[in-house]
Amino acid sequence: MTSSRIMKWISGSMEIILAIPLLGAAIVIGSFYSALGIMLIIHIVTLILSKSNNEPIYGSVLGIVTSLLAWIPFVGWVLHLLTGIFLMVTAAKKSTPAGHQFHG
């Protein structure tokens, strides 16, 4: 398993936790919104690792957008949920060995 897939599992799990209505709000507000800054950094690291491993980056890109917009109450909840799902789905996908990709 690549380091980018491990980071996708970690960041996806953290996003799902932040998507839990009262718990996520308590974490974000209780940290004086620094939780969103920490998630931004985690998503940037995951994006760089994914890019270097030629893996999908859309979950990390959505995570960066989420970190910037999650202070908006309902929007934040939806974005945390979608980001968590996208990251976990891409983390769970089997990667194809280099040179064995389908081009058709």
Protein backbone atom coordinates (compact mmCIF):
# COMPACT_ATOMS: atom_id res chain seq x y z
CA MET A 1 0.00 0.00 0.00
CA THR A 2 1.39 3.39 -0.99
CA SER A 3 1.87 6.26 1.43
CA SER A 4 -0.71 8.28 -0.51
CA ARG A 5 -3.33 5.56 -0.02
CA ILE A 6 -2.56 5.47 3.71
CA MET A 7 -2.96 9.26 3.83
CA LYS A 8 -6.26 8.98 1.96
CA TRP A 9 -7.54 6.53 4.60
CA ILE A 10 -6.40 8.83 7.40
CA SER A 11 -7.70 12.07 5.88
CA GLY A 12 -10.93 10.40 4.75
CA SER A 13 -11.56 9.10 8.27
CA MET A 14 -10.89 12.53 9.72
CA GLU A 15 -13.30 14.11 7.24
CA ILE A 16 -16.02 11.59 8.13
CA ILE A 17 -15.54 12.45 11.82
CA LEU A 18 -15.87 16.15 10.99
CA ALA A 19 -19.08 15.33 9.07
CA ILE A 20 -20.78 14.03 12.21
CA PRO A 21 -23.14 16.96 12.90
CA LEU A 22 -22.56 17.96 16.53
CA LEU A 23 -19.18 16.30 17.00
CA GLY A 24 -17.64 17.85 13.90
CA ALA A 25 -18.92 21.30 14.82
CA ALA A 26 -17.58 20.92 18.36
CA ILE A 27 -14.15 19.93 17.05
CA VAL A 28 -13.95 22.78 14.53
CA ILE A 29 -15.32 25.48 16.83
CA GLY A 30 -13.53 24.11 19.90
CA SER A 31 -10.21 24.30 18.04
CA PHE A 32 -10.98 27.89 17.02
CA TYR A 33 -11.14 26.66 13.42
CA SER A 34 -7.50 25.50 13.45
CA ALA A 35 -8.79 21.96 12.69
CA LEU A 36 -9.62 23.26 9.20
CA GLY A 37 -6.07 24.57 8.77
CA ILE A 38 -4.63 21.25 9.89
CA MET A 39 -6.89 19.41 7.43
CA LEU A 40 -5.77 21.79 4.68
CA ILE A 41 -2.13 20.82 5.30
CA ILE A 42 -3.03 17.10 5.40
CA HIS A 43 -4.91 17.38 2.10
CA ILE A 44 -1.99 19.20 0.44
CA VAL A 45 0.43 16.47 1.60
CA THR A 46 -1.97 13.77 0.35
CA LEU A 47 -2.32 15.59 -2.97
CA ILE A 48 1.46 15.74 -3.46
CA LEU A 49 1.86 12.06 -2.56
CA SER A 50 -1.01 11.03 -4.85
CA LYS A 51 0.39 13.06 -7.72
CA SER A 52 3.84 11.47 -7.32
CA ASN A 53 2.25 7.98 -7.34
CA ASN A 54 0.02 8.75 -10.36
CA GLU A 55 -3.09 8.14 -8.26
CA PRO A 56 -6.37 10.08 -8.42
CA ILE A 57 -6.14 13.53 -6.80
CA TYR A 58 -9.79 14.62 -6.85
CA GLY A 59 -10.42 13.63 -3.22
CA SER A 60 -7.51 15.75 -2.05
CA VAL A 61 -8.54 18.68 -4.26
CA LEU A 62 -12.05 18.49 -2.84
CA GLY A 63 -10.50 18.29 0.64
CA ILE A 64 -8.60 21.53 0.02
CA VAL A 65 -11.83 23.22 -1.10
CA THR A 66 -13.58 21.78 1.95
CA SER A 67 -10.92 23.16 4.29
CA LEU A 68 -11.43 26.61 2.82
CA LEU A 69 -15.25 26.57 2.85
CA ALA A 70 -16.15 24.36 5.82
CA TRP A 71 -16.75 27.35 8.12
CA ILE A 72 -20.11 27.77 6.34
CA PRO A 73 -22.47 25.63 8.50
CA PHE A 74 -24.52 23.43 6.12
CA VAL A 75 -22.02 23.66 3.25
CA GLY A 76 -19.26 22.46 5.58
CA TRP A 77 -21.20 19.37 6.61
CA VAL A 78 -21.93 18.35 3.00
CA LEU A 79 -18.33 19.01 1.90
CA HIS A 80 -16.83 17.04 4.82
CA LEU A 81 -19.11 14.09 4.01
CA LEU A 82 -18.39 14.12 0.26
CA THR A 83 -14.65 14.56 0.78
CA GLY A 84 -14.52 11.66 3.24
CA ILE A 85 -16.40 9.41 0.84
CA PHE A 86 -14.26 10.34 -2.19
CA LEU A 87 -11.01 9.87 -0.28
CA MET A 88 -12.02 6.48 1.10
CA VAL A 89 -13.29 5.24 -2.27
CA THR A 90 -10.00 6.16 -3.98
CA ALA A 91 -8.00 4.68 -1.10
CA ALA A 92 -9.89 1.39 -1.43
CA LYS A 93 -9.35 1.07 -5.19
CA LYS A 94 -6.75 -1.40 -6.32
CA SER A 95 -3.95 0.33 -8.16
CA THR A 96 -2.80 -1.16 -11.44
CA PRO A 97 0.88 -2.07 -11.75
CA ALA A 98 2.95 0.37 -13.82
CA GLY A 99 2.84 -0.55 -17.49
CA HIS A 100 -0.35 -2.63 -17.16
CA GLN A 101 -2.92 0.11 -17.54
CA PHE A 102 -5.77 -0.33 -19.99
CA HIS A 103 -5.63 2.15 -22.86
CA GLY A 104 -8.78 1.59 -24.81
